[in-house]
Structure formats: C-alpha cells, structure tokens
Amino acid sequence: MREMVDIAALNSRVKFDKTDVPFEQRTILGDATETGLTRFAGRYLPQYDEHQKKFRKVFEVPFNSSNKWALVIVSFCILSLNLHASR
C-alpha cells in the first residue's frame, strides 16, 4: 500500500489553488484521474507537502498519448549505518 501512495503522490503533475489551507480543503487543478489519485494519496499522507519536498523530482518525461508511458525520477537520502562485525 505504501508504494501505491508514493506513486500516486510523486508522479502527479497537479497544482493546488492554495497551500495555506488543510489538504482536504484545497481545490486540485489537474485532470480527473490525477485529481483522484492525489486525493487518495492525501488520505494516507498527513504531511503531503512535506512528502513532495522530501522526494524532489530530478527528471520527468510526462505521459503522452502516443508513447503511453511516463517516467519520474526522484531524489532521496538514505541514512547509512556503520555496522561493525564483532568476533
């Protein structure tokens, strides 16, 4: 489920009329499919805007009707742990 929410939130090209109001009160500017996916993701991401900032788009090839695919590459930081084997 987590992957579906991430995909719905991070692959969207929607815009909001306002960002200074709670997510559920915003008007979403985008097509019907992306609006629905954004509402779905917003239910499971209490900090939707922070999630967008955390995973910034680095590269994007938008969907188009002749190609029938899209590509989004996002950046994120993975914390590394220093693990030492004990003998």
N, C-alpha and C. Protein backbone atom coordinates (compact mmCIF):
# COMPACT_ATOMS: atom_id res chain seq x y z
N MET A 1 0.82 -1.19 0.00
CA MET A 1 0.00 0.00 0.00
C MET A 1 0.87 1.26 0.00
N ARG A 2 1.97 1.22 0.76
CA ARG A 2 2.84 2.40 0.84
C ARG A 2 3.37 2.80 -0.53
N GLU A 3 3.73 1.80 -1.34
CA GLU A 3 4.25 2.08 -2.67
C GLU A 3 3.19 2.75 -3.55
N MET A 4 1.95 2.31 -3.43
CA MET A 4 0.87 2.91 -4.23
C MET A 4 0.66 4.37 -3.85
N VAL A 5 0.72 4.67 -2.57
CA VAL A 5 0.56 6.05 -2.11
C VAL A 5 1.71 6.92 -2.62
N ASP A 6 2.94 6.40 -2.53
CA ASP A 6 4.10 7.13 -3.03
C ASP A 6 3.98 7.39 -4.53
N ILE A 7 3.59 6.39 -5.28
CA ILE A 7 3.45 6.54 -6.73
C ILE A 7 2.38 7.58 -7.06
N ALA A 8 1.26 7.51 -6.38
CA ALA A 8 0.17 8.47 -6.63
C ALA A 8 0.60 9.89 -6.30
N ALA A 9 1.36 10.07 -5.23
CA ALA A 9 1.76 11.41 -4.81
C ALA A 9 2.92 11.96 -5.63
N LEU A 10 3.90 11.12 -5.91
CA LEU A 10 5.13 11.63 -6.52
C LEU A 10 5.09 11.70 -8.04
N ASN A 11 4.17 11.00 -8.67
CA ASN A 11 4.08 11.04 -10.13
C ASN A 11 3.06 12.03 -10.63
N SER A 12 2.47 12.77 -9.76
CA SER A 12 1.40 13.69 -10.13
C SER A 12 1.95 15.02 -10.63
N ARG A 13 1.20 15.63 -11.54
CA ARG A 13 1.58 16.95 -12.04
C ARG A 13 0.53 18.00 -11.64
N VAL A 14 -0.31 17.68 -10.66
CA VAL A 14 -1.37 18.61 -10.25
C VAL A 14 -0.78 19.82 -9.53
N LYS A 15 -1.56 20.86 -9.49
CA LYS A 15 -1.26 22.06 -8.72
C LYS A 15 -2.44 22.32 -7.79
N PHE A 16 -2.23 23.11 -6.76
CA PHE A 16 -3.28 23.45 -5.82
C PHE A 16 -3.60 24.93 -5.93
N ASP A 17 -4.87 25.28 -5.69
CA ASP A 17 -5.25 26.69 -5.70
C ASP A 17 -4.63 27.42 -4.52
N LYS A 18 -4.53 26.74 -3.38
CA LYS A 18 -3.94 27.31 -2.16
C LYS A 18 -3.15 26.21 -1.46
N THR A 19 -2.11 26.61 -0.78
CA THR A 19 -1.38 25.64 0.02
C THR A 19 -1.38 26.01 1.50
N ASP A 20 -2.06 27.11 1.82
CA ASP A 20 -2.11 27.55 3.22
C ASP A 20 -3.36 27.07 3.94
N VAL A 21 -4.09 26.14 3.34
CA VAL A 21 -5.27 25.55 3.96
C VAL A 21 -5.04 24.04 4.07
N PRO A 22 -5.78 23.36 4.93
CA PRO A 22 -5.62 21.90 5.04
C PRO A 22 -5.83 21.21 3.69
N PHE A 23 -5.14 20.10 3.50
CA PHE A 23 -5.15 19.38 2.22
C PHE A 23 -6.58 19.11 1.71
N GLU A 24 -7.45 18.64 2.60
CA GLU A 24 -8.80 18.26 2.17
C GLU A 24 -9.66 19.45 1.75
N GLN A 25 -9.24 20.66 2.05
CA GLN A 25 -9.99 21.85 1.66
C GLN A 25 -9.46 22.51 0.39
N ARG A 26 -8.41 21.96 -0.18
CA ARG A 26 -7.80 22.55 -1.37
C ARG A 26 -8.54 22.15 -2.64
N THR A 27 -8.56 23.04 -3.59
CA THR A 27 -9.02 22.71 -4.93
C THR A 27 -7.81 22.22 -5.71
N ILE A 28 -7.94 21.06 -6.31
CA ILE A 28 -6.84 20.48 -7.07
C ILE A 28 -7.02 20.85 -8.53
N LEU A 29 -5.98 21.39 -9.12
CA LEU A 29 -6.00 21.80 -10.52
C LEU A 29 -5.26 20.76 -11.34
N GLY A 30 -6.02 19.95 -12.05
CA GLY A 30 -5.44 18.87 -12.86
C GLY A 30 -6.55 18.05 -13.46
N ASP A 31 -6.18 17.04 -14.25
CA ASP A 31 -7.22 16.22 -14.86
C ASP A 31 -7.88 15.32 -13.81
N ALA A 32 -8.98 14.72 -14.19
CA ALA A 32 -9.78 13.94 -13.23
C ALA A 32 -9.02 12.77 -12.64
N THR A 33 -8.25 12.07 -13.45
CA THR A 33 -7.50 10.91 -12.94
C THR A 33 -6.46 11.33 -11.92
N GLU A 34 -5.68 12.34 -12.24
CA GLU A 34 -4.65 12.79 -11.31
C GLU A 34 -5.27 13.41 -10.05
N THR A 35 -6.39 14.08 -10.20
CA THR A 35 -7.08 14.64 -9.03
C THR A 35 -7.50 13.52 -8.08
N GLY A 36 -8.07 12.45 -8.63
CA GLY A 36 -8.48 11.31 -7.81
C GLY A 36 -7.30 10.64 -7.13
N LEU A 37 -6.21 10.46 -7.86
CA LEU A 37 -5.02 9.84 -7.28
C LEU A 37 -4.41 10.71 -6.20
N THR A 38 -4.45 12.02 -6.40
CA THR A 38 -3.93 12.94 -5.39
C THR A 38 -4.77 12.92 -4.13
N ARG A 39 -6.10 12.89 -4.29
CA ARG A 39 -6.99 12.78 -3.10
C ARG A 39 -6.72 11.48 -2.36
N PHE A 40 -6.54 10.38 -3.10
CA PHE A 40 -6.22 9.09 -2.50
C PHE A 40 -4.93 9.19 -1.68
N ALA A 41 -3.88 9.74 -2.29
CA ALA A 41 -2.59 9.85 -1.60
C ALA A 41 -2.69 10.75 -0.38
N GLY A 42 -3.46 11.83 -0.50
CA GLY A 42 -3.61 12.78 0.60
C GLY A 42 -4.26 12.19 1.83
N ARG A 43 -5.08 11.16 1.65
CA ARG A 43 -5.71 10.49 2.80
C ARG A 43 -4.68 9.74 3.64
N TYR A 44 -3.63 9.25 3.00
CA TYR A 44 -2.65 8.42 3.68
C TYR A 44 -1.35 9.14 3.99
N LEU A 45 -1.21 10.37 3.49
CA LEU A 45 -0.02 11.17 3.78
C LEU A 45 -0.43 12.40 4.57
N PRO A 46 -0.34 12.35 5.87
CA PRO A 46 -0.76 13.50 6.67
C PRO A 46 0.04 14.77 6.35
N GLN A 47 1.26 14.62 5.91
CA GLN A 47 2.12 15.75 5.54
C GLN A 47 2.41 15.69 4.03
N TYR A 48 1.38 15.84 3.22
CA TYR A 48 1.51 15.71 1.77
C TYR A 48 2.58 16.65 1.20
N ASP A 49 2.55 17.90 1.60
CA ASP A 49 3.51 18.88 1.08
C ASP A 49 4.95 18.53 1.48
N GLU A 50 5.13 18.09 2.70
CA GLU A 50 6.46 17.70 3.16
C GLU A 50 6.97 16.48 2.39
N HIS A 51 6.07 15.57 2.08
CA HIS A 51 6.43 14.38 1.31
C HIS A 51 6.93 14.79 -0.08
N GLN A 52 6.26 15.75 -0.70
CA GLN A 52 6.68 16.25 -2.01
C GLN A 52 8.07 16.89 -1.93
N LYS A 53 8.33 17.62 -0.86
CA LYS A 53 9.62 18.28 -0.70
C LYS A 53 10.74 17.27 -0.41
N LYS A 54 10.40 16.23 0.34
CA LYS A 54 11.38 15.22 0.71
C LYS A 54 11.88 14.44 -0.51
N PHE A 55 10.99 14.18 -1.45
CA PHE A 55 11.32 13.42 -2.65
C PHE A 55 11.17 14.33 -3.87
N ARG A 56 12.15 15.17 -4.10
CA ARG A 56 12.10 16.14 -5.21
C ARG A 56 12.29 15.45 -6.56
N LYS A 57 11.54 15.93 -7.55
CA LYS A 57 11.70 15.41 -8.91
C LYS A 57 13.03 15.90 -9.48
N VAL A 58 13.79 14.95 -10.01
CA VAL A 58 15.07 15.26 -10.62
C VAL A 58 14.91 15.30 -12.14
N PHE A 59 14.07 14.41 -12.64
CA PHE A 59 13.86 14.29 -14.08
C PHE A 59 12.45 13.76 -14.32
N GLU A 60 11.84 14.22 -15.40
CA GLU A 60 10.48 13.77 -15.70
C GLU A 60 10.25 13.74 -17.21
N VAL A 61 9.64 12.66 -17.67
CA VAL A 61 9.10 12.56 -19.02
C VAL A 61 7.61 12.39 -18.83
N PRO A 62 6.82 13.42 -19.10
CA PRO A 62 5.38 13.32 -18.85
C PRO A 62 4.69 12.31 -19.77
N PHE A 63 3.60 11.78 -19.29
CA PHE A 63 2.78 10.87 -20.10
C PHE A 63 2.28 11.61 -21.32
N ASN A 64 2.27 10.91 -22.45
CA ASN A 64 1.59 11.45 -23.62
C ASN A 64 0.88 10.30 -24.34
N SER A 65 -0.12 10.64 -25.10
CA SER A 65 -0.98 9.61 -25.67
C SER A 65 -0.32 8.77 -26.75
N SER A 66 0.75 9.25 -27.36
CA SER A 66 1.41 8.42 -28.38
C SER A 66 2.39 7.43 -27.75
N ASN A 67 3.10 7.84 -26.70
CA ASN A 67 4.04 6.92 -26.04
C ASN A 67 3.37 5.96 -25.08
N LYS A 68 2.33 6.42 -24.40
CA LYS A 68 1.59 5.61 -23.41
C LYS A 68 2.44 5.22 -22.21
N TRP A 69 3.39 6.06 -21.83
CA TRP A 69 4.18 5.83 -20.62
C TRP A 69 4.69 7.17 -20.10
N ALA A 70 5.13 7.15 -18.87
CA ALA A 70 5.71 8.33 -18.24
C ALA A 70 6.88 7.87 -17.38
N LEU A 71 7.76 8.80 -17.05
CA LEU A 71 8.91 8.49 -16.21
C LEU A 71 9.14 9.64 -15.24
N VAL A 72 9.31 9.30 -13.98
CA VAL A 72 9.64 10.30 -12.97
C VAL A 72 10.79 9.73 -12.13
N ILE A 73 11.84 10.53 -11.99
CA ILE A 73 12.97 10.15 -11.15
C ILE A 73 13.02 11.15 -10.00
N VAL A 74 13.03 10.64 -8.77
CA VAL A 74 13.07 11.49 -7.59
C VAL A 74 14.35 11.24 -6.82
N SER A 75 14.76 12.23 -6.05
CA SER A 75 15.95 12.06 -5.22
C SER A 75 15.50 11.86 -3.78
N PHE A 76 16.29 11.10 -3.06
CA PHE A 76 16.04 10.93 -1.64
C PHE A 76 17.33 10.50 -0.97
N CYS A 77 17.38 10.71 0.31
CA CYS A 77 18.56 10.40 1.10
C CYS A 77 18.33 9.11 1.88
N ILE A 78 19.29 8.26 1.85
CA ILE A 78 19.23 7.04 2.65
C ILE A 78 20.28 7.17 3.74
N LEU A 79 19.85 7.02 4.98
CA LEU A 79 20.81 7.09 6.09
C LEU A 79 21.65 5.82 6.09
N SER A 80 22.93 5.97 6.19
CA SER A 80 23.79 4.80 6.24
C SER A 80 24.15 4.50 7.70
N LEU A 81 24.25 3.27 7.98
CA LEU A 81 24.63 2.83 9.32
C LEU A 81 26.01 2.19 9.26
N ASN A 82 26.84 2.51 10.18
CA ASN A 82 28.14 1.87 10.26
C ASN A 82 27.99 0.64 11.14
N LEU A 83 28.05 -0.52 10.53
CA LEU A 83 27.92 -1.77 11.27
C LEU A 83 29.29 -2.43 11.36
N HIS A 84 29.64 -2.83 12.52
CA HIS A 84 30.93 -3.48 12.73
C HIS A 84 30.68 -4.92 13.21
N ALA A 85 31.34 -5.82 12.57
CA ALA A 85 31.23 -7.22 12.98
C ALA A 85 32.12 -7.45 14.20
N SER A 86 31.56 -8.11 15.20
CA SER A 86 32.38 -8.42 16.37
C SER A 86 32.76 -9.88 16.32
N ARG A 87 33.94 -10.16 16.83
CA ARG A 87 34.44 -11.55 16.80
C ARG A 87 34.29 -12.19 18.13
